Protein backbone atom coordinates (compact mmCIF):
# COMPACT_ATOMS: atom_id res chain seq x y z
CA UNK A 1 118.93 126.37 92.30
CA UNK A 2 119.52 125.41 88.69
CA UNK A 3 119.40 121.82 87.54
CA UNK A 4 121.54 120.59 84.68
CA UNK A 5 120.07 120.20 81.21
CA UNK A 6 118.61 116.70 80.97
CA UNK A 7 119.05 116.39 77.22
CA UNK A 8 121.97 114.22 76.16
CA UNK A 9 124.69 116.13 74.36
CA UNK A 10 126.02 114.97 71.03
CA UNK A 11 129.13 113.60 72.75
CA UNK A 12 127.26 111.56 75.37
CA UNK A 13 126.39 107.94 74.72
CA UNK A 14 124.13 105.79 76.85
CA UNK A 15 125.56 102.58 78.21
CA UNK A 16 123.71 99.31 77.56
CA UNK A 17 121.56 98.28 80.53
CA UNK A 18 123.29 95.27 82.09
CA UNK A 19 121.40 92.38 83.61
CA UNK A 20 121.13 92.62 87.41
CA UNK A 21 121.16 96.43 87.43
CA UNK A 22 119.78 97.44 90.84
CA UNK A 23 118.82 100.87 92.20
CA UNK A 24 118.87 101.23 96.00
CA UNK A 25 116.71 103.91 97.63
CA UNK A 26 116.10 104.73 101.29
CA UNK A 27 113.20 106.92 102.41
CA UNK A 28 112.62 109.30 105.32
CA UNK A 29 116.14 109.92 106.68
CA UNK A 30 116.24 107.23 109.35
CA UNK A 31 119.25 107.40 111.68
CA UNK A 32 120.21 103.89 110.57
CA UNK A 33 120.85 105.25 107.06
CA UNK A 34 123.89 106.96 108.52
CA UNK A 35 124.95 104.60 111.30
CA UNK A 36 124.51 101.23 109.57
CA UNK A 37 123.39 101.34 105.94
CA UNK A 38 125.93 103.75 104.47
CA UNK A 39 129.00 102.10 106.03
CA UNK A 40 127.90 98.68 104.75
CA UNK A 41 127.16 99.99 101.25
CA UNK A 42 130.49 101.79 101.13
CA UNK A 43 132.27 98.57 102.06
CA UNK A 44 130.56 96.78 99.17
CA UNK A 45 131.06 99.63 96.71
CA UNK A 46 127.30 100.09 96.24
CA UNK A 47 125.60 103.34 95.31
CA UNK A 48 122.31 104.52 96.81
CA UNK A 49 119.86 107.40 97.05
CA UNK A 50 118.69 108.71 100.43
CA UNK A 51 115.37 110.56 100.12
CA UNK A 52 115.16 113.27 102.78
CA UNK A 53 112.09 114.85 104.36
CA UNK A 54 111.73 117.16 107.34
CA UNK A 55 108.34 115.60 108.05
CA UNK A 56 107.51 112.65 110.30
CA UNK A 57 109.76 112.94 113.39
CA UNK A 58 112.75 114.46 111.61
CA UNK A 59 112.78 117.80 113.42
CA UNK A 60 112.13 116.51 116.95
CA UNK A 61 113.49 112.97 117.23
CA UNK A 62 117.20 112.92 116.53
CA UNK A 63 117.56 109.48 118.09
CA UNK A 64 115.63 108.07 115.13
CA UNK A 65 116.42 110.54 112.32
CA UNK A 66 119.59 111.92 110.75
CA UNK A 67 120.80 115.48 111.19
CA UNK A 68 121.61 117.73 108.24
CA UNK A 69 125.28 117.44 109.16
CA UNK A 70 124.98 113.67 108.77
CA UNK A 71 123.13 114.10 105.48
CA UNK A 72 126.01 116.23 104.25
CA UNK A 73 128.41 113.46 105.21
CA UNK A 74 126.34 110.96 103.21
CA UNK A 75 126.73 113.27 100.22
CA UNK A 76 130.47 113.62 100.83
CA UNK A 77 130.72 109.81 100.80
CA UNK A 78 129.30 109.92 97.24
CA UNK A 79 125.74 108.86 98.05
CA UNK A 80 122.88 110.74 96.41
CA UNK A 81 120.54 112.97 98.41
CA UNK A 82 117.05 113.08 96.89
CA UNK A 83 113.96 115.16 97.67
CA UNK A 84 111.13 113.58 99.71
CA UNK A 85 109.34 116.91 100.45
CA UNK A 86 109.41 119.11 103.52
CA UNK A 87 106.30 117.78 105.28
CA UNK A 88 105.85 114.21 103.91
CA UNK A 89 102.18 114.93 103.17
CA UNK A 90 99.85 113.17 100.77
CA UNK A 91 100.66 115.15 97.63
CA UNK A 92 97.14 114.64 96.29
CA UNK A 93 95.80 116.76 99.17
CA UNK A 94 98.15 119.67 98.40
CA UNK A 95 97.81 122.45 95.88
CA UNK A 96 100.52 122.82 93.24
CA UNK A 97 101.84 125.81 95.16
CA UNK A 98 102.05 123.87 98.43
CA UNK A 99 103.82 120.95 96.78
CA UNK A 100 106.26 123.27 95.03
CA UNK A 101 107.02 125.04 98.31
CA UNK A 102 107.73 121.67 99.94
CA UNK A 103 110.20 120.81 97.18
CA UNK A 104 111.94 124.19 97.28
CA UNK A 105 112.39 123.97 101.06
CA UNK A 106 114.44 120.77 100.76
CA UNK A 107 116.35 122.28 97.83
CA UNK A 108 117.33 125.24 99.99
CA UNK A 109 118.30 123.06 102.93
CA UNK A 110 120.57 121.07 100.65
CA UNK A 111 122.19 124.27 99.37
CA UNK A 112 122.77 125.46 102.94
CA UNK A 113 124.80 122.32 103.63
CA UNK A 114 126.74 122.23 100.38
CA UNK A 115 124.67 119.42 98.90
CA UNK A 116 123.65 119.60 95.22
CA UNK A 117 120.03 120.54 94.57
CA UNK A 118 118.25 117.18 94.13
CA UNK A 119 117.44 115.93 90.64
CA UNK A 120 115.53 112.88 91.86
CA UNK A 121 112.35 112.57 93.90
CA UNK A 122 110.59 109.95 96.00
CA UNK A 123 106.80 110.20 96.31
CA UNK A 124 105.86 110.32 100.04
CA UNK A 125 103.42 107.53 100.83
CA UNK A 126 103.42 106.82 97.07
CA UNK A 127 100.80 109.57 96.63
CA UNK A 128 100.90 111.01 93.13
CA UNK A 129 98.64 112.72 90.63
CA UNK A 130 98.85 114.68 87.38
CA UNK A 131 99.74 117.96 89.09
CA UNK A 132 102.66 116.36 90.94
CA UNK A 133 104.16 115.05 87.70
CA UNK A 134 103.60 118.47 86.13
CA UNK A 135 105.45 120.24 88.96
CA UNK A 136 108.35 117.79 88.82
CA UNK A 137 108.59 118.34 85.07
CA UNK A 138 108.60 122.11 85.49
CA UNK A 139 111.28 121.80 88.18
CA UNK A 140 113.39 119.73 85.78
CA UNK A 141 113.59 116.62 87.91
CA UNK A 142 115.31 113.83 86.02
CA UNK A 143 113.88 110.74 87.77
CA UNK A 144 111.16 110.12 90.37
CA UNK A 145 110.44 106.86 92.15
CA UNK A 146 107.01 105.58 93.14
CA UNK A 147 105.77 102.44 94.89
CA UNK A 148 104.42 99.13 93.57
CA UNK A 149 100.84 100.04 92.60
CA UNK A 150 98.65 99.87 90.67
CA UNK A 151 100.29 96.83 89.05
CA UNK A 152 100.75 95.10 92.41
CA UNK A 153 98.64 95.25 95.57
CA UNK A 154 100.09 97.81 97.97
CA UNK A 155 101.04 96.18 101.29
CA UNK A 156 102.11 98.54 104.07
CA UNK A 157 104.42 95.85 105.47
CA UNK A 158 106.37 95.11 102.30
CA UNK A 159 105.92 93.38 98.99
CA UNK A 160 106.77 92.96 95.32
CA UNK A 161 106.34 95.40 92.45
CA UNK A 162 107.11 95.71 88.74
CA UNK A 163 110.60 96.01 87.34
CA UNK A 164 111.39 99.39 85.81
CA UNK A 165 111.25 99.21 82.02
CA UNK A 166 112.57 102.46 80.48
CA UNK A 167 110.71 101.65 77.26
CA UNK A 168 107.41 101.50 79.17
CA UNK A 169 107.54 103.62 82.34
CA UNK A 170 107.81 107.41 82.44
CA UNK A 171 111.07 108.52 84.16
CA UNK A 172 109.07 110.55 86.68
CA UNK A 173 106.95 107.55 87.68
CA UNK A 174 109.53 104.77 88.12
CA UNK A 175 108.08 101.74 89.96
CA UNK A 176 109.57 99.99 92.96
CA UNK A 177 110.34 96.33 92.25
CA UNK A 178 110.53 95.57 95.94
CA UNK A 179 109.59 97.38 99.15
CA UNK A 180 111.12 95.39 102.02
CA UNK A 181 109.30 95.24 105.35
CA UNK A 182 108.09 92.65 107.88
CA UNK A 183 106.19 90.73 105.17
CA UNK A 184 109.12 90.79 102.74
CA UNK A 185 111.36 87.72 102.73
CA UNK A 186 114.57 86.62 101.04
CA UNK A 187 112.69 84.90 98.20
CA UNK A 188 111.07 88.25 97.37
CA UNK A 189 114.51 89.83 97.05
CA UNK A 190 115.70 87.01 94.81
CA UNK A 191 112.58 87.43 92.67
CA UNK A 192 113.21 91.18 92.31
CA UNK A 193 116.76 90.64 91.08
CA UNK A 194 115.58 87.98 88.64
CA UNK A 195 113.38 90.63 86.98
CA UNK A 196 116.44 92.79 86.24
CA UNK A 197 117.22 91.47 82.77
CA UNK A 198 116.52 92.19 79.10
CA UNK A 199 116.66 95.96 79.64
CA UNK A 200 114.64 96.00 82.87
CA UNK A 201 115.93 97.35 86.17
CA UNK A 202 115.20 96.37 89.79
CA UNK A 203 114.46 99.33 92.06
CA UNK A 204 114.39 98.62 95.82
CA UNK A 205 112.78 100.94 98.37
CA UNK A 206 113.81 100.67 102.03
CA UNK A 207 112.43 102.59 105.01
CA UNK A 208 115.03 102.19 107.73
CA UNK A 209 117.35 99.40 108.84
CA UNK A 210 115.72 99.39 111.32
CA UNK A 211 112.84 101.89 111.08
CA UNK A 212 112.40 102.48 114.81
CA UNK A 213 109.52 104.94 114.57
CA UNK A 214 107.65 102.98 111.86
CA UNK A 215 108.10 99.24 112.53
CA UNK A 216 105.54 98.31 109.86
CA UNK A 217 108.14 99.19 107.21
CA UNK A 218 111.11 97.87 109.17
CA UNK A 219 114.01 95.83 107.81
CA UNK A 220 116.36 94.34 110.40
CA UNK A 221 120.11 94.85 110.02
CA UNK A 222 120.54 91.08 109.76
CA UNK A 223 118.03 90.84 106.91
CA UNK A 224 119.56 93.81 105.15
CA UNK A 225 123.06 92.37 105.24
CA UNK A 226 121.72 89.10 103.82
CA UNK A 227 120.14 91.07 100.97
CA UNK A 228 123.31 93.04 100.26
CA UNK A 229 125.43 89.88 100.41
CA UNK A 230 123.17 88.39 97.75
CA UNK A 231 123.57 91.43 95.49
CA UNK A 232 127.33 91.21 95.90
CA UNK A 233 127.46 87.46 95.28
CA UNK A 234 125.32 87.83 92.13
CA UNK A 235 127.66 90.54 90.81
CA UNK A 236 124.84 93.06 90.62
CA UNK A 237 125.55 96.60 89.47
CA UNK A 238 124.14 98.63 92.38
CA UNK A 239 123.56 102.34 91.81
CA UNK A 240 121.79 105.48 93.01
CA UNK A 241 118.68 106.66 91.18
CA UNK A 242 120.62 109.55 89.60
CA UNK A 243 122.98 107.05 87.96
CA UNK A 244 120.18 105.79 85.74
CA UNK A 245 121.24 108.72 83.54
CA UNK A 246 124.13 106.54 82.36
CA UNK A 247 121.62 104.10 80.88
CA UNK A 248 118.36 106.01 80.35
CA UNK A 249 117.70 109.26 78.47
CA UNK A 250 115.17 110.95 80.76
CA UNK A 251 114.35 113.50 78.07
CA UNK A 252 112.82 110.74 75.93
CA UNK A 253 109.53 110.29 77.80
CA UNK A 254 106.92 110.62 75.04
CA UNK A 255 104.46 107.76 75.18
CA UNK A 256 105.79 106.38 78.47
CA UNK A 257 103.29 105.10 81.03
CA UNK A 258 102.21 107.41 83.86
CA UNK A 259 100.18 105.94 86.74
CA UNK A 260 98.59 107.76 89.66
CA UNK A 261 97.88 106.65 93.24
CA UNK A 262 95.65 106.15 95.04
């Protein structure tokens, strides 16, 4: 389970960060990721990261959650599969050993299904502390995505967050610029995209389209299509989290901001 060296080689050159660069992420492995989201994104030529956990109802409720065969198909369709831990626990309540074991479990499951070992991570419930960042560093994760706090008030039903600024934020604590849910409206999406300029990047975090088991983080298919239509019409560059490596040198993290939650 070796990850590639994160250091840029002498022949690699970072691309300039374009305005309206958007990262799409989807947490928890909702069935709608496979049945609705991926086909729509593929039609629009958008990239995305699907963060997979075997927690929540993943193992027992296959009406609401994807199977590993479906996850493999998402990978085969060129979407990224990221690590969201085995149990989806509050990381701050786990020991380093427990957290590491949760990561390794998803790594192994990916290997079993011919999926690359994840190089990106999504914090479950946005829980994060110094030990979590330390473990991710030791495991050679390239990028990790958090939620909107502490800069913005955390709303369980959706809200705004800071744009990702590679000159400010540590690559293992990348903020979400928007977390759609019942309280998230079209104007919030427009606002998020407007932040993606002058070297800043909009990172969007979805939790199911719809999220049948967790309606408090739900986005309806109709809303989602409206959002994606807007990204298309604004000529946004829409990528997976891993593709930040084209624009950001993750090995250059000295002095970057690290925030913990709660």
